[in-house]
N, C-alpha and C. Protein backbone atom coordinates (compact mmCIF):
# COMPACT_ATOMS: atom_id res chain seq x y z
N MET A 1 0.83 -1.17 0.00
CA MET A 1 0.00 0.00 0.00
C MET A 1 0.89 1.25 0.00
N PRO A 2 0.67 2.16 -0.98
CA PRO A 2 1.53 3.34 -1.08
C PRO A 2 1.31 4.27 0.11
N ASN A 3 2.42 4.83 0.57
CA ASN A 3 2.31 5.75 1.69
C ASN A 3 2.10 7.18 1.18
N ALA A 4 1.98 8.11 2.08
CA ALA A 4 1.66 9.50 1.73
C ALA A 4 2.82 10.17 0.98
N LYS A 5 4.05 9.83 1.33
CA LYS A 5 5.22 10.44 0.66
C LYS A 5 5.29 10.03 -0.80
N THR A 6 5.04 8.77 -1.08
CA THR A 6 5.08 8.28 -2.46
C THR A 6 4.01 8.95 -3.29
N GLN A 7 2.80 9.07 -2.76
CA GLN A 7 1.70 9.70 -3.50
C GLN A 7 2.02 11.19 -3.75
N ALA A 8 2.60 11.86 -2.79
CA ALA A 8 2.95 13.28 -2.96
C ALA A 8 4.04 13.45 -4.02
N ALA A 9 4.99 12.52 -4.05
CA ALA A 9 6.07 12.59 -5.04
C ALA A 9 5.51 12.38 -6.44
N LYS A 10 4.59 11.42 -6.60
CA LYS A 10 3.99 11.17 -7.90
C LYS A 10 3.20 12.39 -8.37
N LYS A 11 2.44 13.00 -7.43
CA LYS A 11 1.62 14.15 -7.76
C LYS A 11 2.50 15.34 -8.20
N SER A 12 3.61 15.57 -7.47
CA SER A 12 4.48 16.68 -7.83
C SER A 12 5.21 16.41 -9.14
N SER A 13 5.52 15.15 -9.41
CA SER A 13 6.17 14.82 -10.68
C SER A 13 5.22 15.05 -11.84
N LYS A 14 3.92 14.71 -11.67
CA LYS A 14 2.94 14.97 -12.74
C LYS A 14 2.78 16.47 -12.96
N GLU A 15 2.75 17.24 -11.88
CA GLU A 15 2.62 18.69 -12.00
C GLU A 15 3.83 19.29 -12.73
N THR A 16 5.00 18.77 -12.41
CA THR A 16 6.22 19.26 -13.06
C THR A 16 6.19 18.95 -14.55
N GLN A 17 5.74 17.75 -14.90
CA GLN A 17 5.66 17.37 -16.32
C GLN A 17 4.65 18.24 -17.06
N GLU A 18 3.52 18.53 -16.41
CA GLU A 18 2.52 19.38 -17.05
C GLU A 18 3.04 20.81 -17.25
N LYS A 19 3.76 21.33 -16.24
CA LYS A 19 4.34 22.67 -16.37
C LYS A 19 5.36 22.71 -17.50
N LEU A 20 6.15 21.66 -17.60
CA LEU A 20 7.17 21.59 -18.64
C LEU A 20 6.53 21.53 -20.02
N ALA A 21 5.46 20.72 -20.16
CA ALA A 21 4.77 20.62 -21.44
C ALA A 21 4.15 21.96 -21.83
N ALA A 22 3.59 22.66 -20.85
CA ALA A 22 3.00 23.97 -21.13
C ALA A 22 4.08 24.97 -21.55
N ALA A 23 5.25 24.91 -20.93
CA ALA A 23 6.34 25.82 -21.29
C ALA A 23 6.83 25.54 -22.71
N VAL A 24 6.90 24.27 -23.08
CA VAL A 24 7.35 23.90 -24.43
C VAL A 24 6.36 24.41 -25.47
N LYS A 25 5.06 24.27 -25.18
CA LYS A 25 4.03 24.76 -26.11
C LYS A 25 4.10 26.28 -26.24
N ALA A 26 4.30 26.96 -25.13
CA ALA A 26 4.38 28.42 -25.16
C ALA A 26 5.61 28.88 -25.94
N ARG A 27 6.68 28.15 -25.79
CA ARG A 27 7.91 28.53 -26.50
C ARG A 27 7.75 28.32 -27.99
N ALA A 28 7.09 27.24 -28.38
CA ALA A 28 6.89 26.96 -29.81
C ALA A 28 5.99 28.02 -30.44
N ALA A 29 5.06 28.56 -29.65
CA ALA A 29 4.15 29.57 -30.17
C ALA A 29 4.78 30.96 -30.19
N SER A 30 5.94 31.12 -29.59
CA SER A 30 6.61 32.42 -29.54
C SER A 30 7.02 32.86 -30.94
N PRO A 31 6.81 34.12 -31.28
CA PRO A 31 7.21 34.59 -32.62
C PRO A 31 8.72 34.61 -32.80
N LEU A 32 9.48 34.69 -31.73
CA LEU A 32 10.92 34.73 -31.86
C LEU A 32 11.52 33.36 -32.14
N LEU A 33 10.92 32.32 -31.62
CA LEU A 33 11.49 30.99 -31.78
C LEU A 33 10.68 30.09 -32.69
N GLY A 34 9.54 30.53 -33.14
CA GLY A 34 8.71 29.71 -34.01
C GLY A 34 9.23 29.71 -35.44
N GLU A 35 8.35 29.52 -36.37
CA GLU A 35 8.71 29.51 -37.79
C GLU A 35 9.21 30.89 -38.20
N PRO A 36 10.23 30.95 -39.05
CA PRO A 36 10.71 32.26 -39.51
C PRO A 36 9.66 32.93 -40.39
N PRO A 37 9.57 34.24 -40.35
CA PRO A 37 8.58 34.93 -41.16
C PRO A 37 8.90 34.77 -42.64
N THR A 38 7.87 34.79 -43.47
CA THR A 38 8.08 34.68 -44.91
C THR A 38 8.61 36.00 -45.44
N PRO A 39 9.57 35.97 -46.35
CA PRO A 39 10.14 37.21 -46.87
C PRO A 39 9.16 37.94 -47.78
N PRO A 40 9.30 39.24 -47.92
CA PRO A 40 8.46 39.99 -48.85
C PRO A 40 8.69 39.53 -50.28
N ALA A 41 7.79 39.88 -51.16
CA ALA A 41 7.84 39.41 -52.55
C ALA A 41 9.13 39.84 -53.26
N LYS A 42 9.64 41.05 -53.00
CA LYS A 42 10.85 41.52 -53.66
C LYS A 42 12.04 40.66 -53.28
N LEU A 43 12.17 40.34 -52.03
CA LEU A 43 13.31 39.57 -51.57
C LEU A 43 13.22 38.11 -51.98
N ALA A 44 12.02 37.60 -52.13
CA ALA A 44 11.86 36.20 -52.50
C ALA A 44 12.34 35.95 -53.93
N ALA A 45 12.29 36.96 -54.80
CA ALA A 45 12.67 36.78 -56.19
C ALA A 45 14.18 36.70 -56.37
N VAL A 46 14.96 37.22 -55.43
CA VAL A 46 16.41 37.21 -55.54
C VAL A 46 16.92 35.83 -55.10
N PRO A 47 17.74 35.16 -55.92
CA PRO A 47 18.23 33.84 -55.52
C PRO A 47 19.18 33.96 -54.33
N ALA A 48 19.20 32.95 -53.52
CA ALA A 48 20.09 32.92 -52.36
C ALA A 48 21.53 32.85 -52.83
N ALA A 49 22.45 33.24 -51.97
CA ALA A 49 23.87 33.27 -52.34
C ALA A 49 24.38 31.88 -52.70
N SER A 50 23.87 30.86 -52.02
CA SER A 50 24.33 29.51 -52.31
C SER A 50 23.81 29.03 -53.66
N GLU A 51 22.66 29.58 -54.11
CA GLU A 51 22.09 29.17 -55.39
C GLU A 51 22.68 29.93 -56.57
N ALA A 52 23.23 31.10 -56.31
CA ALA A 52 23.77 31.91 -57.38
C ALA A 52 24.99 31.22 -57.99
N LYS A 53 25.12 31.33 -59.30
CA LYS A 53 26.26 30.72 -59.97
C LYS A 53 27.49 31.58 -59.76
N LYS A 54 28.55 30.94 -59.38
CA LYS A 54 29.80 31.66 -59.15
C LYS A 54 30.75 31.40 -60.32
N ALA A 55 31.49 32.44 -60.67
CA ALA A 55 32.48 32.29 -61.72
C ALA A 55 33.64 31.47 -61.17
N PRO A 56 34.19 30.57 -61.97
CA PRO A 56 35.31 29.76 -61.47
C PRO A 56 36.51 30.65 -61.18
N ALA A 57 37.11 30.45 -60.04
CA ALA A 57 38.27 31.25 -59.63
C ALA A 57 39.52 30.73 -60.34
N ALA A 58 40.34 31.66 -60.75
CA ALA A 58 41.59 31.28 -61.41
C ALA A 58 42.56 30.74 -60.37
N LYS A 59 43.19 29.63 -60.69
CA LYS A 59 44.14 29.04 -59.76
C LYS A 59 45.47 29.76 -59.89
N LYS A 60 46.07 30.03 -58.73
CA LYS A 60 47.36 30.71 -58.70
C LYS A 60 48.42 29.76 -58.18
N SER A 61 49.57 29.86 -58.76
CA SER A 61 50.67 29.05 -58.26
C SER A 61 51.23 29.72 -57.02
N LYS A 62 52.06 29.00 -56.28
CA LYS A 62 52.66 29.58 -55.08
C LYS A 62 53.50 30.80 -55.42
N GLU A 63 54.16 30.77 -56.56
CA GLU A 63 55.01 31.90 -56.95
C GLU A 63 54.19 33.13 -57.28
N ALA A 64 52.98 32.96 -57.80
CA ALA A 64 52.15 34.09 -58.13
C ALA A 64 51.51 34.69 -56.88
N LYS A 65 51.38 33.91 -55.82
CA LYS A 65 50.74 34.39 -54.60
C LYS A 65 51.62 35.35 -53.83
N ARG A 66 52.92 35.15 -53.84
CA ARG A 66 53.79 36.06 -53.10
C ARG A 66 54.99 36.42 -53.95
N ASP A 67 55.63 37.48 -53.58
CA ASP A 67 56.78 37.95 -54.35
C ASP A 67 57.90 36.92 -54.29
N VAL A 68 58.51 36.69 -55.42
CA VAL A 68 59.64 35.79 -55.47
C VAL A 68 60.90 36.64 -55.42
N ILE A 69 61.72 36.38 -54.44
CA ILE A 69 62.96 37.13 -54.28
C ILE A 69 64.08 36.31 -54.92
N PRO A 70 64.77 36.88 -55.89
CA PRO A 70 65.83 36.11 -56.57
C PRO A 70 67.00 35.83 -55.63
N ASP A 71 67.69 34.72 -55.90
CA ASP A 71 68.81 34.31 -55.06
C ASP A 71 69.98 35.29 -55.13
N ASP A 72 70.11 36.03 -56.23
CA ASP A 72 71.26 36.93 -56.35
C ASP A 72 70.99 38.32 -55.76
N ALA A 73 69.83 38.49 -55.10
CA ALA A 73 69.51 39.79 -54.49
C ALA A 73 70.40 40.01 -53.26
N LYS A 74 70.88 41.24 -53.11
CA LYS A 74 71.75 41.59 -52.00
C LYS A 74 70.94 41.63 -50.70
N LEU A 75 71.51 41.11 -49.63
CA LEU A 75 70.84 41.04 -48.34
C LEU A 75 71.52 42.00 -47.37
N THR A 76 70.77 42.96 -46.84
CA THR A 76 71.31 43.93 -45.89
C THR A 76 70.67 43.70 -44.54
N VAL A 77 71.49 43.48 -43.52
CA VAL A 77 70.99 43.24 -42.16
C VAL A 77 70.82 44.59 -41.46
N LEU A 78 69.65 44.79 -40.83
CA LEU A 78 69.34 46.06 -40.19
C LEU A 78 69.34 45.96 -38.66
N PHE A 79 69.85 44.88 -38.11
CA PHE A 79 69.93 44.74 -36.66
C PHE A 79 71.37 44.46 -36.25
N LYS A 80 71.73 44.83 -35.02
CA LYS A 80 73.08 44.60 -34.51
C LYS A 80 73.15 43.29 -33.74
N GLU A 81 72.15 43.05 -32.90
CA GLU A 81 72.07 41.80 -32.15
C GLU A 81 70.91 40.99 -32.70
N VAL A 82 71.07 39.69 -32.73
CA VAL A 82 70.03 38.82 -33.27
C VAL A 82 68.81 38.91 -32.37
N PRO A 83 67.63 39.29 -32.94
CA PRO A 83 66.43 39.38 -32.11
C PRO A 83 65.91 37.99 -31.76
N GLY A 84 65.33 37.87 -30.60
CA GLY A 84 64.74 36.62 -30.18
C GLY A 84 65.51 35.95 -29.06
N ARG A 85 65.01 34.83 -28.64
CA ARG A 85 65.59 34.08 -27.54
C ARG A 85 66.57 33.05 -28.09
N PRO A 86 67.80 33.00 -27.59
CA PRO A 86 68.77 32.02 -28.09
C PRO A 86 68.24 30.59 -27.96
N GLY A 87 68.53 29.80 -29.00
CA GLY A 87 68.10 28.41 -29.01
C GLY A 87 66.80 28.16 -29.76
N THR A 88 66.07 29.21 -30.10
CA THR A 88 64.81 29.02 -30.81
C THR A 88 65.07 28.97 -32.32
N LEU A 89 64.09 28.48 -33.05
CA LEU A 89 64.20 28.39 -34.50
C LEU A 89 64.38 29.77 -35.12
N ALA A 90 63.63 30.75 -34.63
CA ALA A 90 63.73 32.10 -35.18
C ALA A 90 65.13 32.67 -34.95
N TYR A 91 65.68 32.43 -33.79
CA TYR A 91 67.02 32.94 -33.47
C TYR A 91 68.06 32.31 -34.40
N ARG A 92 68.00 30.99 -34.56
CA ARG A 92 68.97 30.30 -35.45
C ARG A 92 68.84 30.80 -36.88
N THR A 93 67.59 30.98 -37.33
CA THR A 93 67.36 31.42 -38.71
C THR A 93 67.88 32.84 -38.91
N ARG A 94 67.61 33.72 -37.97
CA ARG A 94 68.02 35.12 -38.11
C ARG A 94 69.52 35.30 -37.90
N ALA A 95 70.16 34.42 -37.16
CA ALA A 95 71.60 34.51 -36.97
C ALA A 95 72.34 34.25 -38.28
N LEU A 96 71.72 33.51 -39.17
CA LEU A 96 72.35 33.21 -40.46
C LEU A 96 72.40 34.43 -41.38
N TYR A 97 71.56 35.44 -41.12
CA TYR A 97 71.62 36.67 -41.92
C TYR A 97 72.98 37.34 -41.80
N LEU A 98 73.62 37.24 -40.64
CA LEU A 98 74.87 37.96 -40.37
C LEU A 98 76.01 37.52 -41.28
N ASN A 99 76.03 36.26 -41.71
CA ASN A 99 77.12 35.74 -42.53
C ASN A 99 76.82 35.74 -44.03
N ALA A 100 75.55 35.98 -44.40
CA ALA A 100 75.18 35.90 -45.81
C ALA A 100 75.22 37.28 -46.47
N LYS A 101 75.69 37.30 -47.72
CA LYS A 101 75.73 38.55 -48.48
C LYS A 101 74.57 38.63 -49.47
N THR A 102 74.06 37.48 -49.89
CA THR A 102 72.93 37.45 -50.82
C THR A 102 71.84 36.53 -50.26
N VAL A 103 70.66 36.64 -50.85
CA VAL A 103 69.54 35.81 -50.43
C VAL A 103 69.84 34.34 -50.71
N GLY A 104 70.50 34.05 -51.82
CA GLY A 104 70.85 32.68 -52.17
C GLY A 104 71.79 32.05 -51.14
N GLU A 105 72.79 32.81 -50.69
CA GLU A 105 73.70 32.30 -49.67
C GLU A 105 72.95 32.00 -48.37
N TRP A 106 72.03 32.89 -48.02
CA TRP A 106 71.27 32.69 -46.79
C TRP A 106 70.37 31.46 -46.89
N ARG A 107 69.70 31.29 -48.05
CA ARG A 107 68.84 30.11 -48.23
C ARG A 107 69.65 28.83 -48.19
N GLU A 108 70.83 28.85 -48.78
CA GLU A 108 71.70 27.66 -48.76
C GLU A 108 72.13 27.35 -47.33
N ALA A 109 72.44 28.37 -46.55
CA ALA A 109 72.81 28.17 -45.15
C ALA A 109 71.63 27.60 -44.35
N CYS A 110 70.41 28.04 -44.68
CA CYS A 110 69.22 27.53 -44.00
C CYS A 110 69.02 26.04 -44.28
N ARG A 111 69.30 25.64 -45.52
CA ARG A 111 69.15 24.22 -45.89
C ARG A 111 70.16 23.35 -45.15
N GLY A 112 71.34 23.88 -44.94
CA GLY A 112 72.38 23.09 -44.30
C GLY A 112 72.24 22.97 -42.80
N ARG A 113 71.43 23.85 -42.20
CA ARG A 113 71.27 23.83 -40.74
C ARG A 113 69.79 23.70 -40.41
N ASP A 114 69.51 23.64 -39.15
CA ASP A 114 68.12 23.57 -38.71
C ASP A 114 67.55 24.98 -38.67
N ALA A 115 67.16 25.51 -39.84
CA ALA A 115 66.64 26.87 -39.95
C ALA A 115 65.50 26.88 -40.97
N ASP A 116 64.70 27.93 -40.94
CA ASP A 116 63.52 28.02 -41.79
C ASP A 116 63.64 29.20 -42.75
N PRO A 117 63.77 28.94 -44.07
CA PRO A 117 63.89 30.04 -45.03
C PRO A 117 62.59 30.82 -45.22
N GLY A 118 61.51 30.36 -44.63
CA GLY A 118 60.23 31.06 -44.74
C GLY A 118 60.17 32.34 -43.93
N TYR A 119 61.18 32.61 -43.12
CA TYR A 119 61.19 33.82 -42.31
C TYR A 119 61.51 35.07 -43.11
N LEU A 120 62.04 34.94 -44.30
CA LEU A 120 62.54 36.10 -45.04
C LEU A 120 61.48 37.17 -45.28
N HIS A 121 60.31 36.79 -45.79
CA HIS A 121 59.27 37.78 -46.09
C HIS A 121 58.80 38.49 -44.82
N GLY A 122 58.62 37.76 -43.75
CA GLY A 122 58.19 38.38 -42.50
C GLY A 122 59.24 39.31 -41.92
N ASP A 123 60.50 38.91 -42.04
CA ASP A 123 61.57 39.75 -41.52
C ASP A 123 61.75 41.03 -42.34
N ILE A 124 61.46 40.97 -43.62
CA ILE A 124 61.48 42.18 -44.45
C ILE A 124 60.36 43.12 -43.99
N ARG A 125 59.16 42.57 -43.75
CA ARG A 125 58.04 43.39 -43.27
C ARG A 125 58.33 44.00 -41.90
N ARG A 126 59.02 43.27 -41.05
CA ARG A 126 59.34 43.76 -39.70
C ARG A 126 60.49 44.75 -39.70
N GLY A 127 61.20 44.85 -40.81
CA GLY A 127 62.31 45.79 -40.89
C GLY A 127 63.61 45.24 -40.32
N LEU A 128 63.75 43.93 -40.26
CA LEU A 128 64.98 43.33 -39.75
C LEU A 128 66.04 43.21 -40.84
N VAL A 129 65.59 42.98 -42.06
CA VAL A 129 66.52 42.88 -43.20
C VAL A 129 65.94 43.66 -44.37
N LYS A 130 66.84 43.99 -45.30
CA LYS A 130 66.44 44.69 -46.52
C LYS A 130 67.00 43.93 -47.69
N VAL A 131 66.21 43.76 -48.73
CA VAL A 131 66.66 43.04 -49.93
C VAL A 131 66.72 44.05 -51.07
N GLY A 132 67.83 43.99 -51.79
CA GLY A 132 67.90 44.89 -52.94
C GLY A 132 69.26 45.43 -53.22
């Protein structure tokens, strides 16, 4: 035979479920969360961006995407002390600028050691080296 506590728990659980169902119905009827409004006639005639035909983009090679610096270009170092923390990749790469006279010499030195020749464009933008 169920006791009073069990009956009260069942009754409160039913009330909670009814309140939850009512809240869900009210939320679905809300204009903010319900069906989106239909667009006006002018806007409906314009195709969506995903439906519009796009012109094929021309493919660019890596060389066309960024400036190609020739190997015989003169390399001028604009810093006295190597910037960065000793032992890092950036430090090793930038230390090689000090011994190179041309971009080609510097790239060759990067290949022979643990250095990254991709730093050149960024270092030119930062004003650490000058090419020309």
